[in-house]
Amino acid sequence: MGKFDNTEEYERRARERSQAEYEARQKRGRERTPERETGARSKRVDIYEGLNQVTLVPAGAATGRRGKGVGFYCEVCDITLKDSLDFADHLNSKKHLYAAGVKEKTTRATLEDVKKRLDYLRKKVREQQADQIYDIQKRIAERKRIEEEERAARRARKARKLQRQSAAAHNDDNGNDEVAAAMGFSGFGGSKK
């Protein structure tokens, strides 16, 4: 008897294994992620991430909504939406919140929560004001330094220009006198006497 003679046994095992995998997939699909409270988003939704970029998508992707295609893709729901308004509506929809495991109802803020938030915002504003004052002083000092460097550079350019002009005038005067003497001119008619 050969190794593969008992094909019915192998077929039965394969069917049982595929059935168990199918049931596990079905069960996984129905399980919800643990719910968490609805709150403010911790990061901004970047609808411009694909702007001015070329993305290759399958040929049939433009027609369907399921899977990644042309438009805005939601990874949680595995859906592609055609414009940013639909995408924003989808992010706030019951279907998306359910798939993301977020409760639709918000919790009521306690007095302590409000006080903590106000303290945090006051502290943040104070830090920004302190940074702003420091930044203004720093910017004024930086601007003065830049202006002084520009003045020094202008002075140096002007000095070099004057030096070149005086050297050129000195060289031109000597050259013109020699040419005028060789040709018999006393001058080039600069003044009437």
C-alpha atoms as a PDB file:
ATOM      1  CA  MET A   1       0.000   0.000   0.000  1.00  0.00           C
ATOM      2  CA  GLY A   2       1.460   3.411  -1.064  1.00  0.00           C
ATOM      3  CA  LYS A   3       1.822   6.596   0.813  1.00  0.00           C
ATOM      4  CA  PHE A   4      -1.053   8.383  -0.975  1.00  0.00           C
ATOM      5  CA  ASP A   5      -3.505   5.484  -1.202  1.00  0.00           C
ATOM      6  CA  ASN A   6      -5.731   6.782   1.595  1.00  0.00           C
ATOM      7  CA  THR A   7      -7.027   9.799  -0.366  1.00  0.00           C
ATOM      8  CA  GLU A   8     -10.434   9.835   1.293  1.00  0.00           C
ATOM      9  CA  GLU A   9      -8.813  10.435   4.695  1.00  0.00           C
ATOM     10  CA  TYR A  10      -6.705  13.304   3.309  1.00  0.00           C
ATOM     11  CA  GLU A  11      -9.734  14.851   1.596  1.00  0.00           C
ATOM     12  CA  ARG A  12     -11.734  14.686   4.836  1.00  0.00           C
ATOM     13  CA  ARG A  13      -8.901  16.351   6.803  1.00  0.00           C
ATOM     14  CA  ALA A  14      -8.539  19.080   4.162  1.00  0.00           C
ATOM     15  CA  ARG A  15     -12.291  19.778   4.252  1.00  0.00           C
ATOM     16  CA  GLU A  16     -12.258  19.973   8.067  1.00  0.00           C
ATOM     17  CA  ARG A  17      -9.247  22.298   8.032  1.00  0.00           C
ATOM     18  CA  SER A  18     -10.768  24.615   5.406  1.00  0.00           C
ATOM     19  CA  GLN A  19     -14.095  24.618   7.300  1.00  0.00           C
ATOM     20  CA  ALA A  20     -12.295  25.543  10.547  1.00  0.00           C
ATOM     21  CA  GLU A  21     -10.390  28.346   8.782  1.00  0.00           C
ATOM     22  CA  TYR A  22     -13.617  29.635   7.228  1.00  0.00           C
ATOM     23  CA  GLU A  23     -15.399  29.656  10.599  1.00  0.00           C
ATOM     24  CA  ALA A  24     -12.451  31.427  12.226  1.00  0.00           C
ATOM     25  CA  ARG A  25     -12.512  34.093   9.495  1.00  0.00           C
ATOM     26  CA  GLN A  26     -16.259  34.553   9.910  1.00  0.00           C
ATOM     27  CA  LYS A  27     -15.911  34.829  13.672  1.00  0.00           C
ATOM     28  CA  ARG A  28     -13.053  37.329  13.355  1.00  0.00           C
ATOM     29  CA  GLY A  29     -15.101  39.438  10.985  1.00  0.00           C
ATOM     30  CA  ARG A  30     -17.961  39.765  13.473  1.00  0.00           C
ATOM     31  CA  GLU A  31     -15.809  40.632  16.465  1.00  0.00           C
ATOM     32  CA  ARG A  32     -15.644  44.311  17.264  1.00  0.00           C
ATOM     33  CA  THR A  33     -12.578  46.067  18.410  1.00  0.00           C
ATOM     34  CA  PRO A  34     -12.796  47.187  22.031  1.00  0.00           C
ATOM     35  CA  GLU A  35     -14.790  50.395  22.300  1.00  0.00           C
ATOM     36  CA  ARG A  36     -13.180  53.615  23.385  1.00  0.00           C
ATOM     37  CA  GLU A  37     -14.664  56.987  24.160  1.00  0.00           C
ATOM     38  CA  THR A  38     -15.313  59.483  21.401  1.00  0.00           C
ATOM     39  CA  GLY A  39     -12.902  62.381  21.645  1.00  0.00           C
ATOM     40  CA  ALA A  40     -11.115  65.002  19.658  1.00  0.00           C
ATOM     41  CA  ARG A  41      -8.785  63.680  16.992  1.00  0.00           C
ATOM     42  CA  SER A  42      -5.163  63.599  18.050  1.00  0.00           C
ATOM     43  CA  LYS A  43      -3.955  64.374  14.536  1.00  0.00           C
ATOM     44  CA  ARG A  44      -5.369  66.231  11.570  1.00  0.00           C
ATOM     45  CA  VAL A  45      -6.805  64.306   8.652  1.00  0.00           C
ATOM     46  CA  ASP A  46      -4.487  65.060   5.749  1.00  0.00           C
ATOM     47  CA  ILE A  47      -6.647  65.181   2.639  1.00  0.00           C
ATOM     48  CA  TYR A  48      -3.794  66.683   0.625  1.00  0.00           C
ATOM     49  CA  GLU A  49      -1.317  63.817   1.119  1.00  0.00           C
ATOM     50  CA  GLY A  50      -1.798  62.552  -2.449  1.00  0.00           C
ATOM     51  CA  LEU A  51      -1.817  65.984  -4.080  1.00  0.00           C
ATOM     52  CA  ASN A  52       0.475  66.324  -7.131  1.00  0.00           C
ATOM     53  CA  GLN A  53       1.509  62.678  -6.891  1.00  0.00           C
ATOM     54  CA  VAL A  54       1.125  59.920  -9.420  1.00  0.00           C
ATOM     55  CA  THR A  55      -0.254  56.648  -8.060  1.00  0.00           C
ATOM     56  CA  LEU A  56      -0.657  53.490 -10.097  1.00  0.00           C
ATOM     57  CA  VAL A  57      -3.908  51.655  -9.407  1.00  0.00           C
ATOM     58  CA  PRO A  58      -5.432  48.561 -11.010  1.00  0.00           C
ATOM     59  CA  ALA A  59      -7.612  49.076 -14.082  1.00  0.00           C
ATOM     60  CA  GLY A  60     -10.865  48.125 -12.331  1.00  0.00           C
ATOM     61  CA  ALA A  61     -10.164  50.291  -9.289  1.00  0.00           C
ATOM     62  CA  ALA A  62     -11.839  53.363 -10.747  1.00  0.00           C
ATOM     63  CA  THR A  63     -15.249  51.701 -10.931  1.00  0.00           C
ATOM     64  CA  GLY A  64     -15.706  50.084  -7.511  1.00  0.00           C
ATOM     65  CA  ARG A  65     -15.821  51.367  -3.948  1.00  0.00           C
ATOM     66  CA  ARG A  66     -14.256  48.408  -2.145  1.00  0.00           C
ATOM     67  CA  GLY A  67     -10.501  48.319  -1.719  1.00  0.00           C
ATOM     68  CA  LYS A  68      -7.841  50.843  -2.574  1.00  0.00           C
ATOM     69  CA  GLY A  69      -8.584  52.783  -5.712  1.00  0.00           C
ATOM     70  CA  VAL A  70      -8.776  56.281  -7.090  1.00  0.00           C
ATOM     71  CA  GLY A  71      -9.781  58.756  -4.382  1.00  0.00           C
ATOM     72  CA  PHE A  72      -9.671  58.883  -0.588  1.00  0.00           C
ATOM     73  CA  TYR A  73      -9.077  55.490   1.045  1.00  0.00           C
ATOM     74  CA  CYS A  74     -10.259  54.557   4.555  1.00  0.00           C
ATOM     75  CA  GLU A  75      -8.075  51.739   5.890  1.00  0.00           C
ATOM     76  CA  VAL A  76     -10.460  50.909   8.736  1.00  0.00           C
ATOM     77  CA  CYS A  77     -13.445  50.260   6.474  1.00  0.00           C
ATOM     78  CA  ASP A  78     -11.512  49.241   3.312  1.00  0.00           C
ATOM     79  CA  ILE A  79     -13.466  51.714   1.208  1.00  0.00           C
ATOM     80  CA  THR A  80     -12.523  54.351  -1.364  1.00  0.00           C
ATOM     81  CA  LEU A  81     -14.441  57.616  -1.563  1.00  0.00           C
ATOM     82  CA  LYS A  82     -14.331  59.941  -4.544  1.00  0.00           C
ATOM     83  CA  ASP A  83     -14.102  63.382  -2.914  1.00  0.00           C
ATOM     84  CA  SER A  84     -13.007  65.028   0.324  1.00  0.00           C
ATOM     85  CA  LEU A  85     -16.538  65.895   1.485  1.00  0.00           C
ATOM     86  CA  ASP A  86     -17.647  62.265   1.233  1.00  0.00           C
ATOM     87  CA  PHE A  87     -14.461  61.249   3.053  1.00  0.00           C
ATOM     88  CA  ALA A  88     -15.113  63.704   5.908  1.00  0.00           C
ATOM     89  CA  ASP A  89     -18.741  62.543   6.145  1.00  0.00           C
ATOM     90  CA  HIS A  90     -17.568  58.932   6.193  1.00  0.00           C
ATOM     91  CA  LEU A  91     -15.080  59.581   9.019  1.00  0.00           C
ATOM     92  CA  ASN A  92     -17.963  60.828  11.183  1.00  0.00           C
ATOM     93  CA  SER A  93     -20.458  58.162  10.083  1.00  0.00           C
ATOM     94  CA  LYS A  94     -21.874  55.408  12.294  1.00  0.00           C
ATOM     95  CA  LYS A  95     -20.384  52.731  10.056  1.00  0.00           C
ATOM     96  CA  HIS A  96     -16.834  54.100  10.397  1.00  0.00           C
ATOM     97  CA  LEU A  97     -17.124  54.748  14.129  1.00  0.00           C
ATOM     98  CA  TYR A  98     -18.426  51.204  14.644  1.00  0.00           C
ATOM     99  CA  ALA A  99     -15.575  49.721  12.601  1.00  0.00           C
ATOM    100  CA  ALA A 100     -13.018  51.847  14.459  1.00  0.00           C
ATOM    101  CA  GLY A 101     -14.431  50.764  17.817  1.00  0.00           C
ATOM    102  CA  VAL A 102     -15.505  54.226  18.936  1.00  0.00           C
ATOM    103  CA  LYS A 103     -18.677  54.853  20.913  1.00  0.00           C
ATOM    104  CA  GLU A 104     -21.108  57.212  19.260  1.00  0.00           C
ATOM    105  CA  LYS A 105     -22.092  58.865  22.504  1.00  0.00           C
ATOM    106  CA  THR A 106     -19.657  61.218  24.148  1.00  0.00           C
ATOM    107  CA  THR A 107     -18.958  61.190  27.850  1.00  0.00           C
ATOM    108  CA  ARG A 108     -19.928  64.174  29.904  1.00  0.00           C
ATOM    109  CA  ALA A 109     -16.957  66.235  31.066  1.00  0.00           C
ATOM    110  CA  THR A 110     -16.580  66.609  34.807  1.00  0.00           C
ATOM    111  CA  LEU A 111     -15.648  69.810  36.595  1.00  0.00           C
ATOM    112  CA  GLU A 112     -12.145  68.424  37.179  1.00  0.00           C
ATOM    113  CA  ASP A 113     -11.711  67.702  33.469  1.00  0.00           C
ATOM    114  CA  VAL A 114     -12.719  71.258  32.592  1.00  0.00           C
ATOM    115  CA  LYS A 115     -10.335  72.730  35.195  1.00  0.00           C
ATOM    116  CA  LYS A 116      -7.457  70.590  33.920  1.00  0.00           C
ATOM    117  CA  ARG A 117      -8.145  71.628  30.345  1.00  0.00           C
ATOM    118  CA  LEU A 118      -8.316  75.333  31.248  1.00  0.00           C
ATOM    119  CA  ASP A 119      -5.049  75.086  33.220  1.00  0.00           C
ATOM    120  CA  TYR A 120      -3.408  73.367  30.276  1.00  0.00           C
ATOM    121  CA  LEU A 121      -4.622  76.057  27.856  1.00  0.00           C
ATOM    122  CA  ARG A 122      -3.487  78.892  30.185  1.00  0.00           C
ATOM    123  CA  LYS A 123      -0.054  77.311  30.490  1.00  0.00           C
ATOM    124  CA  LYS A 124       0.174  76.880  26.722  1.00  0.00           C
ATOM    125  CA  VAL A 125      -0.781  80.542  26.098  1.00  0.00           C
ATOM    126  CA  ARG A 126       1.804  81.758  28.654  1.00  0.00           C
ATOM    127  CA  GLU A 127       4.521  79.673  27.002  1.00  0.00           C
ATOM    128  CA  GLN A 128       3.611  81.032  23.578  1.00  0.00           C
ATOM    129  CA  GLN A 129       3.677  84.619  24.869  1.00  0.00           C
ATOM    130  CA  ALA A 130       7.045  84.077  26.558  1.00  0.00           C
ATOM    131  CA  ASP A 131       8.399  82.523  23.380  1.00  0.00           C
ATOM    132  CA  GLN A 132       6.982  85.397  21.362  1.00  0.00           C
ATOM    133  CA  ILE A 133       8.644  88.061  23.559  1.00  0.00           C
ATOM    134  CA  TYR A 134      11.916  86.186  23.396  1.00  0.00           C
ATOM    135  CA  ASP A 135      11.529  85.762  19.666  1.00  0.00           C
ATOM    136  CA  ILE A 136      10.902  89.484  19.150  1.00  0.00           C
ATOM    137  CA  GLN A 137      14.039  90.432  21.099  1.00  0.00           C
ATOM    138  CA  LYS A 138      16.012  87.808  19.229  1.00  0.00           C
ATOM    139  CA  ARG A 139      14.675  88.991  15.874  1.00  0.00           C
ATOM    140  CA  ILE A 140      15.510  92.644  16.658  1.00  0.00           C
ATOM    141  CA  ALA A 141      19.081  91.719  17.592  1.00  0.00           C
ATOM    142  CA  GLU A 142      19.410  89.543  14.480  1.00  0.00           C
ATOM    143  CA  ARG A 143      18.082  92.338  12.261  1.00  0.00           C
ATOM    144  CA  LYS A 144      20.542  94.860  13.744  1.00  0.00           C
ATOM    145  CA  ARG A 145      23.407  92.454  13.119  1.00  0.00           C
ATOM    146  CA  ILE A 146      22.309  91.902   9.506  1.00  0.00           C
ATOM    147  CA  GLU A 147      21.950  95.653   8.872  1.00  0.00           C
ATOM    148  CA  GLU A 148      25.418  96.304  10.314  1.00  0.00           C
ATOM    149  CA  GLU A 149      26.893  93.607   8.068  1.00  0.00           C
ATOM    150  CA  GLU A 150      25.147  95.148   5.055  1.00  0.00           C
ATOM    151  CA  ARG A 151      26.501  98.628   5.940  1.00  0.00           C
ATOM    152  CA  ALA A 152      30.022  97.241   6.298  1.00  0.00           C
ATOM    153  CA  ALA A 153      29.714  95.441   2.953  1.00  0.00           C
ATOM    154  CA  ARG A 154      28.462  98.648   1.268  1.00  0.00           C
ATOM    155  CA  ARG A 155      31.368 100.636   2.737  1.00  0.00           C
ATOM    156  CA  ALA A 156      33.851  98.023   1.527  1.00  0.00           C
ATOM    157  CA  ARG A 157      32.316  97.998  -1.981  1.00  0.00           C
ATOM    158  CA  LYS A 158      32.377 101.793  -2.138  1.00  0.00           C
ATOM    159  CA  ALA A 159      36.021 101.907  -0.988  1.00  0.00           C
ATOM    160  CA  ARG A 160      37.012  99.304  -3.621  1.00  0.00           C
ATOM    161  CA  LYS A 161      35.121 101.240  -6.299  1.00  0.00           C
ATOM    162  CA  LEU A 162      36.811 104.536  -5.382  1.00  0.00           C
ATOM    163  CA  GLN A 163      40.190 102.829  -5.331  1.00  0.00           C
ATOM    164  CA  ARG A 164      39.587 101.327  -8.789  1.00  0.00           C
ATOM    165  CA  GLN A 165      38.381 104.676 -10.150  1.00  0.00           C
ATOM    166  CA  SER A 166      41.387 106.576  -8.819  1.00  0.00           C
ATOM    167  CA  ALA A 167      43.762 103.930 -10.169  1.00  0.00           C
ATOM    168  CA  ALA A 168      41.997 103.979 -13.549  1.00  0.00           C
ATOM    169  CA  ALA A 169      42.019 107.790 -13.682  1.00  0.00           C
ATOM    170  CA  HIS A 170      45.710 107.857 -12.855  1.00  0.00           C
ATOM    171  CA  ASN A 171      46.459 105.287 -15.570  1.00  0.00           C
ATOM    172  CA  ASP A 172      44.217 107.049 -18.125  1.00  0.00           C
ATOM    173  CA  ASP A 173      45.804 110.467 -17.546  1.00  0.00           C
ATOM    174  CA  ASN A 174      49.272 109.110 -18.202  1.00  0.00           C
ATOM    175  CA  GLY A 175      48.161 107.261 -21.315  1.00  0.00           C
ATOM    176  CA  ASN A 176      46.236 110.215 -22.788  1.00  0.00           C
ATOM    177  CA  ASP A 177      49.107 112.670 -22.317  1.00  0.00           C
ATOM    178  CA  GLU A 178      51.482 110.378 -24.146  1.00  0.00           C
ATOM    179  CA  VAL A 179      49.041 109.886 -27.034  1.00  0.00           C
ATOM    180  CA  ALA A 180      48.314 113.623 -27.248  1.00  0.00           C
ATOM    181  CA  ALA A 181      52.014 114.489 -27.287  1.00  0.00           C
ATOM    182  CA  ALA A 182      52.708 111.911 -29.993  1.00  0.00           C
ATOM    183  CA  MET A 183      49.955 113.359 -32.178  1.00  0.00           C
ATOM    184  CA  GLY A 184      50.865 116.951 -31.466  1.00  0.00           C
ATOM    185  CA  PHE A 185      47.792 117.902 -29.487  1.00  0.00           C
ATOM    186  CA  SER A 186      47.935 119.922 -26.359  1.00  0.00           C
ATOM    187  CA  GLY A 187      44.469 118.753 -25.346  1.00  0.00           C
ATOM    188  CA  PHE A 188      41.216 117.442 -26.724  1.00  0.00           C
ATOM    189  CA  GLY A 189      39.286 120.711 -26.723  1.00  0.00           C
ATOM    190  CA  GLY A 190      37.993 120.598 -23.219  1.00  0.00           C
ATOM    191  CA  SER A 191      38.052 124.367 -22.676  1.00  0.00           C
ATOM    192  CA  LYS A 192      38.069 127.518 -24.786  1.00  0.00           C
ATOM    193  CA  LYS A 193      40.653 130.162 -23.987  1.00  0.00           C
END
